[in-house]
Amino acid sequence: MVDVLKGENAIITGSAQGIGKAIALKFASEGANILIIDLDEAKAAETKKEINDKYSGVKVAVVASRETGDIVKWDNCVKMAETAKNELGGCSILVNNAGLTLDKPIHTLSESWWDIILNVILVGSFNMTKAVAPLMAEAKYGKVWNVSSVAGIGGNAAQINYSSAKAALVGLTKACARALAKDNIAVNVVGFGAVWTRLVAPHEDIEIMGQKMAQMKAVSGQDPAQVMKIYKSQLPMCKSRETPLLPEDVGNWFTALCSRDAHYMTGQWMLYSGGMVI
């Protein structure tokens, strides 16, 4: 693909690293202007620099800090939409990618951990969609993609909060698709399976909101090769490759689905999991 997204203005939440960064880089490579949204100011700046260094013909804006990048706060999301309008020229693509995991069995899951996950994944996606919808309506065009998970279908025993939030995105997507179609805004949701990012890889030095991954993840104590073996055994398409989905694979997929040639689809719940769910 060459310049498939040229002239598009894309907002991607959680785009300083991981899946979000891969989407931002791929979109920029196809000509899209990018608004990076994240809590990590330093990593967001690095991502902006990487895009600028590689793709000089696109505009890149950043809203990133613990305070300004928090999509749970409605006022922040309004300002993000304003930034997209003022610095990029509008918003034609929104990818609600921001998310995290805080894993505990139900009998030990705290109210605060429940609230954090539901707020970031569900409330954050609602806030951002609501904030950018007027920009898209004014242009009579827009695409919104919500990032769910196979956990939203089958559930994960130690991810009650995450599974619930990801399942709720489906209802949010379908309702928004019906409400926004009159303004030529398509809203869809994709459920990914295992994507090899820092949230999956068992690196015990990683912290999320002050919590060591080693204290949270079921894969704690296993070496990466063993974890990879487990994932591969669950994924039919992974028999023919060395890893599960990589963030770059996700970026490629989104690029194809965010082109204007794929606009008629709306309200759909798709899976991109290598056959984890069939």
C-alpha atoms as a PDB file:
ATOM      1  CA  MET A   1       0.000   0.000   0.000  1.00  0.00           C
ATOM      2  CA  VAL A   2       1.217   3.477  -0.859  1.00  0.00           C
ATOM      3  CA  ASP A   3      -0.377   6.599   0.652  1.00  0.00           C
ATOM      4  CA  VAL A   4      -3.561   4.686   1.393  1.00  0.00           C
ATOM      5  CA  LEU A   5      -4.318   7.099   4.254  1.00  0.00           C
ATOM      6  CA  LYS A   6      -2.919  10.256   2.709  1.00  0.00           C
ATOM      7  CA  GLY A   7      -4.655  13.310   4.099  1.00  0.00           C
ATOM      8  CA  GLU A   8      -6.401  11.440   6.917  1.00  0.00           C
ATOM      9  CA  ASN A   9      -6.159  12.819  10.454  1.00  0.00           C
ATOM     10  CA  ALA A  10      -5.885  10.024  12.993  1.00  0.00           C
ATOM     11  CA  ILE A  11      -6.144  10.067  16.778  1.00  0.00           C
ATOM     12  CA  ILE A  12      -4.745   6.962  18.455  1.00  0.00           C
ATOM     13  CA  THR A  13      -5.010   6.589  22.214  1.00  0.00           C
ATOM     14  CA  GLY A  14      -2.241   4.800  24.060  1.00  0.00           C
ATOM     15  CA  SER A  15       0.095   5.382  21.126  1.00  0.00           C
ATOM     16  CA  ALA A  16       3.440   6.082  22.779  1.00  0.00           C
ATOM     17  CA  GLN A  17       4.365   2.399  22.696  1.00  0.00           C
ATOM     18  CA  GLY A  18       3.143  -1.099  21.927  1.00  0.00           C
ATOM     19  CA  ILE A  19       0.178  -1.631  19.612  1.00  0.00           C
ATOM     20  CA  GLY A  20      -0.731   2.055  19.559  1.00  0.00           C
ATOM     21  CA  LYS A  21       2.750   3.084  18.476  1.00  0.00           C
ATOM     22  CA  ALA A  22       2.776   0.457  15.723  1.00  0.00           C
ATOM     23  CA  ILE A  23      -0.562   1.773  14.428  1.00  0.00           C
ATOM     24  CA  ALA A  24       0.708   5.353  14.507  1.00  0.00           C
ATOM     25  CA  LEU A  25       3.882   4.470  12.607  1.00  0.00           C
ATOM     26  CA  LYS A  26       2.013   2.490   9.973  1.00  0.00           C
ATOM     27  CA  PHE A  27      -0.641   5.172   9.516  1.00  0.00           C
ATOM     28  CA  ALA A  28       2.088   7.806   9.122  1.00  0.00           C
ATOM     29  CA  SER A  29       3.868   5.635   6.569  1.00  0.00           C
ATOM     30  CA  GLU A  30       0.646   5.693   4.551  1.00  0.00           C
ATOM     31  CA  GLY A  31       0.345   9.470   4.697  1.00  0.00           C
ATOM     32  CA  ALA A  32      -1.897  10.068   7.722  1.00  0.00           C
ATOM     33  CA  ASN A  33      -1.390  12.915  10.166  1.00  0.00           C
ATOM     34  CA  ILE A  34      -1.198  11.631  13.738  1.00  0.00           C
ATOM     35  CA  LEU A  35      -2.255  12.778  17.198  1.00  0.00           C
ATOM     36  CA  ILE A  36      -0.403  10.723  19.800  1.00  0.00           C
ATOM     37  CA  ILE A  37      -2.259  10.397  23.107  1.00  0.00           C
ATOM     38  CA  ASP A  38      -0.662   8.748  26.116  1.00  0.00           C
ATOM     39  CA  LEU A  39       0.186   9.055  29.799  1.00  0.00           C
ATOM     40  CA  ASP A  40       3.920   8.619  29.168  1.00  0.00           C
ATOM     41  CA  GLU A  41       5.268  11.967  28.020  1.00  0.00           C
ATOM     42  CA  ALA A  42       8.820  10.779  27.366  1.00  0.00           C
ATOM     43  CA  LYS A  43       7.826   7.784  25.245  1.00  0.00           C
ATOM     44  CA  ALA A  44       5.280   9.869  23.346  1.00  0.00           C
ATOM     45  CA  ALA A  45       8.045  12.337  22.469  1.00  0.00           C
ATOM     46  CA  GLU A  46      10.212   9.451  21.249  1.00  0.00           C
ATOM     47  CA  THR A  47       7.393   8.168  19.053  1.00  0.00           C
ATOM     48  CA  LYS A  48       6.801  11.637  17.628  1.00  0.00           C
ATOM     49  CA  LYS A  49      10.498  11.971  16.803  1.00  0.00           C
ATOM     50  CA  GLU A  50      10.556   8.559  15.134  1.00  0.00           C
ATOM     51  CA  ILE A  51       7.591   9.475  12.944  1.00  0.00           C
ATOM     52  CA  ASN A  52       9.086  12.849  12.070  1.00  0.00           C
ATOM     53  CA  ASP A  53      12.441  11.276  11.218  1.00  0.00           C
ATOM     54  CA  LYS A  54      10.907   8.623   8.974  1.00  0.00           C
ATOM     55  CA  TYR A  55       7.934  10.426   7.443  1.00  0.00           C
ATOM     56  CA  SER A  56       8.617  14.131   7.071  1.00  0.00           C
ATOM     57  CA  GLY A  57       5.503  14.820   5.026  1.00  0.00           C
ATOM     58  CA  VAL A  58       2.985  14.235   7.824  1.00  0.00           C
ATOM     59  CA  LYS A  59       1.913  16.317  10.796  1.00  0.00           C
ATOM     60  CA  VAL A  60       2.383  14.886  14.285  1.00  0.00           C
ATOM     61  CA  ALA A  61       0.854  16.333  17.448  1.00  0.00           C
ATOM     62  CA  VAL A  62       1.139  15.034  21.001  1.00  0.00           C
ATOM     63  CA  VAL A  63      -1.026  15.159  24.090  1.00  0.00           C
ATOM     64  CA  ALA A  64       0.811  13.156  26.706  1.00  0.00           C
ATOM     65  CA  SER A  65       1.282  13.348  30.458  1.00  0.00           C
ATOM     66  CA  ARG A  66      -0.272  11.836  33.554  1.00  0.00           C
ATOM     67  CA  GLU A  67      -2.596  14.810  33.709  1.00  0.00           C
ATOM     68  CA  THR A  68      -3.377  15.850  30.126  1.00  0.00           C
ATOM     69  CA  GLY A  69      -3.284  12.372  28.560  1.00  0.00           C
ATOM     70  CA  ASP A  70      -5.882  10.833  30.885  1.00  0.00           C
ATOM     71  CA  ILE A  71      -8.869   9.926  28.693  1.00  0.00           C
ATOM     72  CA  VAL A  72     -11.021   9.113  31.717  1.00  0.00           C
ATOM     73  CA  LYS A  73     -11.342  12.876  32.252  1.00  0.00           C
ATOM     74  CA  TRP A  74     -13.911  14.372  29.891  1.00  0.00           C
ATOM     75  CA  ASP A  75     -12.325  17.824  29.777  1.00  0.00           C
ATOM     76  CA  ASN A  76      -9.074  16.271  28.574  1.00  0.00           C
ATOM     77  CA  CYS A  77     -10.855  14.559  25.694  1.00  0.00           C
ATOM     78  CA  VAL A  78     -12.463  17.828  24.616  1.00  0.00           C
ATOM     79  CA  LYS A  79      -9.009  19.429  24.538  1.00  0.00           C
ATOM     80  CA  MET A  80      -7.637  16.477  22.557  1.00  0.00           C
ATOM     81  CA  ALA A  81     -10.325  16.969  19.918  1.00  0.00           C
ATOM     82  CA  GLU A  82      -9.465  20.671  19.814  1.00  0.00           C
ATOM     83  CA  THR A  83      -5.793  19.813  19.351  1.00  0.00           C
ATOM     84  CA  ALA A  84      -6.660  17.528  16.438  1.00  0.00           C
ATOM     85  CA  LYS A  85      -8.687  20.296  14.812  1.00  0.00           C
ATOM     86  CA  ASN A  86      -6.099  23.045  15.384  1.00  0.00           C
ATOM     87  CA  GLU A  87      -2.893  21.121  14.651  1.00  0.00           C
ATOM     88  CA  LEU A  88      -3.987  18.444  12.174  1.00  0.00           C
ATOM     89  CA  GLY A  89      -7.048  19.999  10.592  1.00  0.00           C
ATOM     90  CA  GLY A  90      -9.653  17.641  12.071  1.00  0.00           C
ATOM     91  CA  CYS A  91     -10.149  13.964  12.849  1.00  0.00           C
ATOM     92  CA  SER A  92     -11.243  11.360  10.328  1.00  0.00           C
ATOM     93  CA  ILE A  93      -9.968   8.269  12.199  1.00  0.00           C
ATOM     94  CA  LEU A  94     -10.142   7.465  15.912  1.00  0.00           C
ATOM     95  CA  VAL A  95      -8.592   4.286  17.310  1.00  0.00           C
ATOM     96  CA  ASN A  96      -9.574   3.726  20.925  1.00  0.00           C
ATOM     97  CA  ASN A  97      -6.577   1.584  21.764  1.00  0.00           C
ATOM     98  CA  ALA A  98      -5.619   2.662  25.306  1.00  0.00           C
ATOM     99  CA  GLY A  99      -5.873  -0.088  27.872  1.00  0.00           C
ATOM    100  CA  LEU A 100      -4.123  -2.053  30.563  1.00  0.00           C
ATOM    101  CA  THR A 101      -4.565  -5.137  32.703  1.00  0.00           C
ATOM    102  CA  LEU A 102      -4.696  -5.508  36.471  1.00  0.00           C
ATOM    103  CA  ASP A 103      -5.250  -9.219  37.034  1.00  0.00           C
ATOM    104  CA  LYS A 104      -6.670 -10.895  40.121  1.00  0.00           C
ATOM    105  CA  PRO A 105      -9.173 -13.729  40.735  1.00  0.00           C
ATOM    106  CA  ILE A 106     -12.636 -12.387  41.537  1.00  0.00           C
ATOM    107  CA  HIS A 107     -12.433 -13.044  45.286  1.00  0.00           C
ATOM    108  CA  THR A 108      -9.303 -10.879  45.581  1.00  0.00           C
ATOM    109  CA  LEU A 109     -10.099  -8.238  42.958  1.00  0.00           C
ATOM    110  CA  SER A 110     -10.327  -4.840  44.606  1.00  0.00           C
ATOM    111  CA  GLU A 111     -12.929  -2.213  43.791  1.00  0.00           C
ATOM    112  CA  SER A 112     -10.165   0.190  42.745  1.00  0.00           C
ATOM    113  CA  TRP A 113      -8.717  -2.282  40.221  1.00  0.00           C
ATOM    114  CA  TRP A 114     -12.201  -2.910  38.844  1.00  0.00           C
ATOM    115  CA  ASP A 115     -12.790   0.829  38.466  1.00  0.00           C
ATOM    116  CA  ILE A 116      -9.414   1.538  36.825  1.00  0.00           C
ATOM    117  CA  ILE A 117      -9.897  -1.019  34.048  1.00  0.00           C
ATOM    118  CA  LEU A 118     -13.541  -0.167  33.351  1.00  0.00           C
ATOM    119  CA  ASN A 119     -12.728   3.540  33.330  1.00  0.00           C
ATOM    120  CA  VAL A 120      -9.733   3.419  30.996  1.00  0.00           C
ATOM    121  CA  ILE A 121     -11.165   0.916  28.512  1.00  0.00           C
ATOM    122  CA  LEU A 122     -14.884   1.706  28.499  1.00  0.00           C
ATOM    123  CA  VAL A 123     -15.285   5.252  29.810  1.00  0.00           C
ATOM    124  CA  GLY A 124     -12.172   6.411  27.945  1.00  0.00           C
ATOM    125  CA  SER A 125     -13.476   5.021  24.657  1.00  0.00           C
ATOM    126  CA  PHE A 126     -16.877   6.624  25.224  1.00  0.00           C
ATOM    127  CA  ASN A 127     -15.298   9.978  26.071  1.00  0.00           C
ATOM    128  CA  MET A 128     -13.064  10.030  23.020  1.00  0.00           C
ATOM    129  CA  THR A 129     -15.837   8.982  20.647  1.00  0.00           C
ATOM    130  CA  LYS A 130     -18.154  11.631  22.044  1.00  0.00           C
ATOM    131  CA  ALA A 131     -15.410  14.292  21.831  1.00  0.00           C
ATOM    132  CA  VAL A 132     -14.441  13.684  18.188  1.00  0.00           C
ATOM    133  CA  ALA A 133     -17.897  12.879  16.792  1.00  0.00           C
ATOM    134  CA  PRO A 134     -18.695  16.568  16.150  1.00  0.00           C
ATOM    135  CA  LEU A 135     -15.507  16.946  14.073  1.00  0.00           C
ATOM    136  CA  MET A 136     -16.411  13.897  12.022  1.00  0.00           C
ATOM    137  CA  ALA A 137     -20.030  14.998  11.684  1.00  0.00           C
ATOM    138  CA  GLU A 138     -18.923  18.391  10.398  1.00  0.00           C
ATOM    139  CA  ALA A 139     -16.805  16.689   7.734  1.00  0.00           C
ATOM    140  CA  LYS A 140     -19.549  14.125   7.046  1.00  0.00           C
ATOM    141  CA  TYR A 141     -16.976  11.352   7.351  1.00  0.00           C
ATOM    142  CA  GLY A 142     -15.264   9.376  10.070  1.00  0.00           C
ATOM    143  CA  LYS A 143     -14.111   5.993  11.282  1.00  0.00           C
ATOM    144  CA  VAL A 144     -14.002   4.866  14.904  1.00  0.00           C
ATOM    145  CA  TRP A 145     -12.356   1.596  15.869  1.00  0.00           C
ATOM    146  CA  ASN A 146     -12.611   0.252  19.405  1.00  0.00           C
ATOM    147  CA  VAL A 147      -9.985  -2.264  20.477  1.00  0.00           C
ATOM    148  CA  SER A 148     -11.474  -5.226  22.303  1.00  0.00           C
ATOM    149  CA  SER A 149     -10.095  -8.718  22.955  1.00  0.00           C
ATOM    150  CA  VAL A 150     -11.000 -12.372  22.700  1.00  0.00           C
ATOM    151  CA  ALA A 151     -11.351 -12.045  26.484  1.00  0.00           C
ATOM    152  CA  GLY A 152     -14.493 -10.067  25.742  1.00  0.00           C
ATOM    153  CA  ILE A 153     -16.023 -13.205  24.250  1.00  0.00           C
ATOM    154  CA  GLY A 154     -14.692 -16.119  26.247  1.00  0.00           C
ATOM    155  CA  GLY A 155     -13.599 -14.363  29.425  1.00  0.00           C
ATOM    156  CA  ASN A 156     -10.409 -14.969  31.358  1.00  0.00           C
ATOM    157  CA  ALA A 157     -10.642 -16.318  34.892  1.00  0.00           C
ATOM    158  CA  ALA A 158      -8.133 -13.874  36.384  1.00  0.00           C
ATOM    159  CA  GLN A 159      -9.316 -10.961  34.246  1.00  0.00           C
ATOM    160  CA  ILE A 160     -12.857 -10.290  35.440  1.00  0.00           C
ATOM    161  CA  ASN A 161     -12.415  -6.535  35.070  1.00  0.00           C
ATOM    162  CA  TYR A 162     -10.639  -6.680  31.707  1.00  0.00           C
ATOM    163  CA  SER A 163     -13.044  -9.228  30.202  1.00  0.00           C
ATOM    164  CA  SER A 164     -16.045  -7.191  31.343  1.00  0.00           C
ATOM    165  CA  ALA A 165     -14.672  -3.946  29.917  1.00  0.00           C
ATOM    166  CA  LYS A 166     -13.737  -5.508  26.588  1.00  0.00           C
ATOM    167  CA  ALA A 167     -17.186  -7.124  26.271  1.00  0.00           C
ATOM    168  CA  ALA A 168     -18.860  -3.804  27.070  1.00  0.00           C
ATOM    169  CA  LEU A 169     -17.043  -2.179  24.142  1.00  0.00           C
ATOM    170  CA  VAL A 170     -19.157  -4.294  21.813  1.00  0.00           C
ATOM    171  CA  GLY A 171     -22.377  -2.736  23.091  1.00  0.00           C
ATOM    172  CA  LEU A 172     -20.839   0.727  22.961  1.00  0.00           C
ATOM    173  CA  THR A 173     -19.759   0.131  19.370  1.00  0.00           C
ATOM    174  CA  LYS A 174     -23.107  -1.104  18.128  1.00  0.00           C
ATOM    175  CA  ALA A 175     -25.051   1.729  19.781  1.00  0.00           C
ATOM    176  CA  CYS A 176     -22.649   4.364  18.463  1.00  0.00           C
ATOM    177  CA  ALA A 177     -22.768   2.833  14.984  1.00  0.00           C
ATOM    178  CA  ARG A 178     -26.548   3.287  14.908  1.00  0.00           C
ATOM    179  CA  ALA A 179     -26.390   6.790  16.361  1.00  0.00           C
ATOM    180  CA  LEU A 180     -23.611   8.169  14.142  1.00  0.00           C
ATOM    181  CA  ALA A 181     -24.383   6.578  10.770  1.00  0.00           C
ATOM    182  CA  LYS A 182     -26.502   9.587   9.787  1.00  0.00           C
ATOM    183  CA  ASP A 183     -23.274  11.625   9.717  1.00  0.00           C
ATOM    184  CA  ASN A 184     -21.395   8.998   7.676  1.00  0.00           C
ATOM    185  CA  ILE A 185     -19.391   7.872  10.699  1.00  0.00           C
ATOM    186  CA  ALA A 186     -18.584   4.161  10.838  1.00  0.00           C
ATOM    187  CA  VAL A 187     -17.975   2.575  14.236  1.00  0.00           C
ATOM    188  CA  ASN A 188     -16.557  -0.930  14.589  1.00  0.00           C
ATOM    189  CA  VAL A 189     -14.789  -3.064  17.181  1.00  0.00           C
ATOM    190  CA  VAL A 190     -12.009  -5.622  16.822  1.00  0.00           C
ATOM    191  CA  GLY A 191     -11.052  -8.335  19.265  1.00  0.00           C
ATOM    192  CA  PHE A 192      -7.388  -9.286  19.200  1.00  0.00           C
ATOM    193  CA  GLY A 193      -5.934 -12.471  20.548  1.00  0.00           C
ATOM    194  CA  ALA A 194      -2.385 -12.743  21.825  1.00  0.00           C
ATOM    195  CA  VAL A 195      -0.343  -9.765  20.618  1.00  0.00           C
ATOM    196  CA  TRP A 196       3.284  -9.862  21.675  1.00  0.00           C
ATOM    197  CA  THR A 197       3.630  -6.655  23.682  1.00  0.00           C
ATOM    198  CA  ARG A 198       4.862  -5.683  27.131  1.00  0.00           C
ATOM    199  CA  LEU A 199       1.445  -6.642  28.572  1.00  0.00           C
ATOM    200  CA  VAL A 200       1.987 -10.231  27.453  1.00  0.00           C
ATOM    201  CA  ALA A 201       5.740 -10.736  27.637  1.00  0.00           C
ATOM    202  CA  PRO A 202       6.757 -11.894  31.135  1.00  0.00           C
ATOM    203  CA  HIS A 203       9.286  -9.170  31.956  1.00  0.00           C
ATOM    204  CA  GLU A 204       9.244  -8.868  35.715  1.00  0.00           C
ATOM    205  CA  ASP A 205      10.813  -5.400  35.747  1.00  0.00           C
ATOM    206  CA  ILE A 206       7.812  -3.815  34.023  1.00  0.00           C
ATOM    207  CA  GLU A 207       5.512  -1.736  36.226  1.00  0.00           C
ATOM    208  CA  ILE A 208       1.970  -0.620  35.471  1.00  0.00           C
ATOM    209  CA  MET A 209       0.467   1.991  37.786  1.00  0.00           C
ATOM    210  CA  GLY A 210       3.017   1.096  40.445  1.00  0.00           C
ATOM    211  CA  GLN A 211       2.402  -2.649  40.295  1.00  0.00           C
ATOM    212  CA  LYS A 212       5.101  -5.056  39.190  1.00  0.00           C
ATOM    213  CA  MET A 213       4.037  -7.346  36.378  1.00  0.00           C
ATOM    214  CA  ALA A 214       5.564 -10.178  38.409  1.00  0.00           C
ATOM    215  CA  GLN A 215       2.899  -9.627  41.058  1.00  0.00           C
ATOM    216  CA  MET A 216       0.040  -9.577  38.591  1.00  0.00           C
ATOM    217  CA  LYS A 217       0.525 -11.989  35.734  1.00  0.00           C
ATOM    218  CA  ALA A 218      -0.207 -15.682  35.634  1.00  0.00           C
ATOM    219  CA  VAL A 219       2.899 -16.106  33.468  1.00  0.00           C
ATOM    220  CA  SER A 220       5.192 -14.826  36.233  1.00  0.00           C
ATOM    221  CA  GLY A 221       8.278 -16.970  36.639  1.00  0.00           C
ATOM    222  CA  GLN A 222       8.072 -18.552  33.184  1.00  0.00           C
ATOM    223  CA  ASP A 223      10.725 -17.784  30.637  1.00  0.00           C
ATOM    224  CA  PRO A 224       9.672 -16.126  27.358  1.00  0.00           C
ATOM    225  CA  ALA A 225      10.307 -19.288  25.358  1.00  0.00           C
ATOM    226  CA  GLN A 226       7.883 -21.234  27.541  1.00  0.00           C
ATOM    227  CA  VAL A 227       5.226 -18.527  27.287  1.00  0.00           C
ATOM    228  CA  MET A 228       5.651 -18.464  23.511  1.00  0.00           C
ATOM    229  CA  LYS A 229       5.192 -22.234  23.390  1.00  0.00           C
ATOM    230  CA  ILE A 230       1.917 -21.944  25.307  1.00  0.00           C
ATOM    231  CA  TYR A 231       0.570 -19.241  23.016  1.00  0.00           C
ATOM    232  CA  LYS A 232       1.585 -21.092  19.860  1.00  0.00           C
ATOM    233  CA  SER A 233      -0.221 -24.208  21.018  1.00  0.00           C
ATOM    234  CA  GLN A 234      -3.481 -22.208  21.174  1.00  0.00           C
ATOM    235  CA  LEU A 235      -3.203 -20.476  17.810  1.00  0.00           C
ATOM    236  CA  PRO A 236      -3.831 -22.429  14.580  1.00  0.00           C
ATOM    237  CA  MET A 237      -2.234 -19.740  12.381  1.00  0.00           C
ATOM    238  CA  CYS A 238       0.799 -19.593  14.625  1.00  0.00           C
ATOM    239  CA  LYS A 239       1.874 -23.041  13.466  1.00  0.00           C
ATOM    240  CA  SER A 240       3.398 -21.407  10.397  1.00  0.00           C
ATOM    241  CA  ARG A 241       5.237 -18.530  12.123  1.00  0.00           C
ATOM    242  CA  GLU A 242       7.563 -17.962  15.033  1.00  0.00           C
ATOM    243  CA  THR A 243       5.396 -15.600  17.076  1.00  0.00           C
ATOM    244  CA  PRO A 244       1.768 -14.692  17.715  1.00  0.00           C
ATOM    245  CA  LEU A 245       0.584 -11.383  16.296  1.00  0.00           C
ATOM    246  CA  LEU A 246       3.133  -8.601  16.537  1.00  0.00           C
ATOM    247  CA  PRO A 247       2.153  -4.934  16.969  1.00  0.00           C
ATOM    248  CA  GLU A 248       3.249  -4.362  13.365  1.00  0.00           C
ATOM    249  CA  ASP A 249       0.697  -6.937  12.190  1.00  0.00           C
ATOM    250  CA  VAL A 250      -1.999  -4.987  13.992  1.00  0.00           C
ATOM    251  CA  GLY A 251      -0.851  -1.748  12.356  1.00  0.00           C
ATOM    252  CA  ASN A 252      -1.081  -3.354   8.915  1.00  0.00           C
ATOM    253  CA  TRP A 253      -4.572  -4.678   9.640  1.00  0.00           C
ATOM    254  CA  PHE A 254      -5.869  -1.312  10.814  1.00  0.00           C
ATOM    255  CA  THR A 255      -4.439   0.437   7.780  1.00  0.00           C
ATOM    256  CA  ALA A 256      -6.432  -1.784   5.450  1.00  0.00           C
ATOM    257  CA  LEU A 257      -9.668  -1.360   7.418  1.00  0.00           C
ATOM    258  CA  CYS A 258      -9.253   2.394   7.850  1.00  0.00           C
ATOM    259  CA  SER A 259      -8.934   3.126   4.144  1.00  0.00           C
ATOM    260  CA  ARG A 260     -11.858   4.889   2.504  1.00  0.00           C
ATOM    261  CA  ASP A 261     -12.423   1.807   0.376  1.00  0.00           C
ATOM    262  CA  ALA A 262     -13.637  -0.042   3.485  1.00  0.00           C
ATOM    263  CA  HIS A 263     -16.081   2.559   4.764  1.00  0.00           C
ATOM    264  CA  TYR A 264     -19.474   0.904   4.290  1.00  0.00           C
ATOM    265  CA  MET A 265     -18.923  -1.512   7.189  1.00  0.00           C
ATOM    266  CA  THR A 266     -20.254  -0.331  10.548  1.00  0.00           C
ATOM    267  CA  GLY A 267     -21.431  -1.825  13.835  1.00  0.00           C
ATOM    268  CA  GLN A 268     -19.340  -4.955  13.311  1.00  0.00           C
ATOM    269  CA  TRP A 269     -17.563  -7.056  15.950  1.00  0.00           C
ATOM    270  CA  MET A 270     -14.530  -8.616  14.286  1.00  0.00           C
ATOM    271  CA  LEU A 271     -11.843 -10.993  15.514  1.00  0.00           C
ATOM    272  CA  TYR A 272      -8.188 -10.931  14.492  1.00  0.00           C
ATOM    273  CA  SER A 273      -6.701 -13.699  16.555  1.00  0.00           C
ATOM    274  CA  GLY A 274      -5.005 -16.269  14.340  1.00  0.00           C
ATOM    275  CA  GLY A 275      -7.798 -18.702  15.108  1.00  0.00           C
ATOM    276  CA  MET A 276      -7.672 -18.418  18.919  1.00  0.00           C
ATOM    277  CA  VAL A 277     -11.466 -18.115  18.630  1.00  0.00           C
ATOM    278  CA  ILE A 278     -13.174 -19.833  15.694  1.00  0.00           C
END
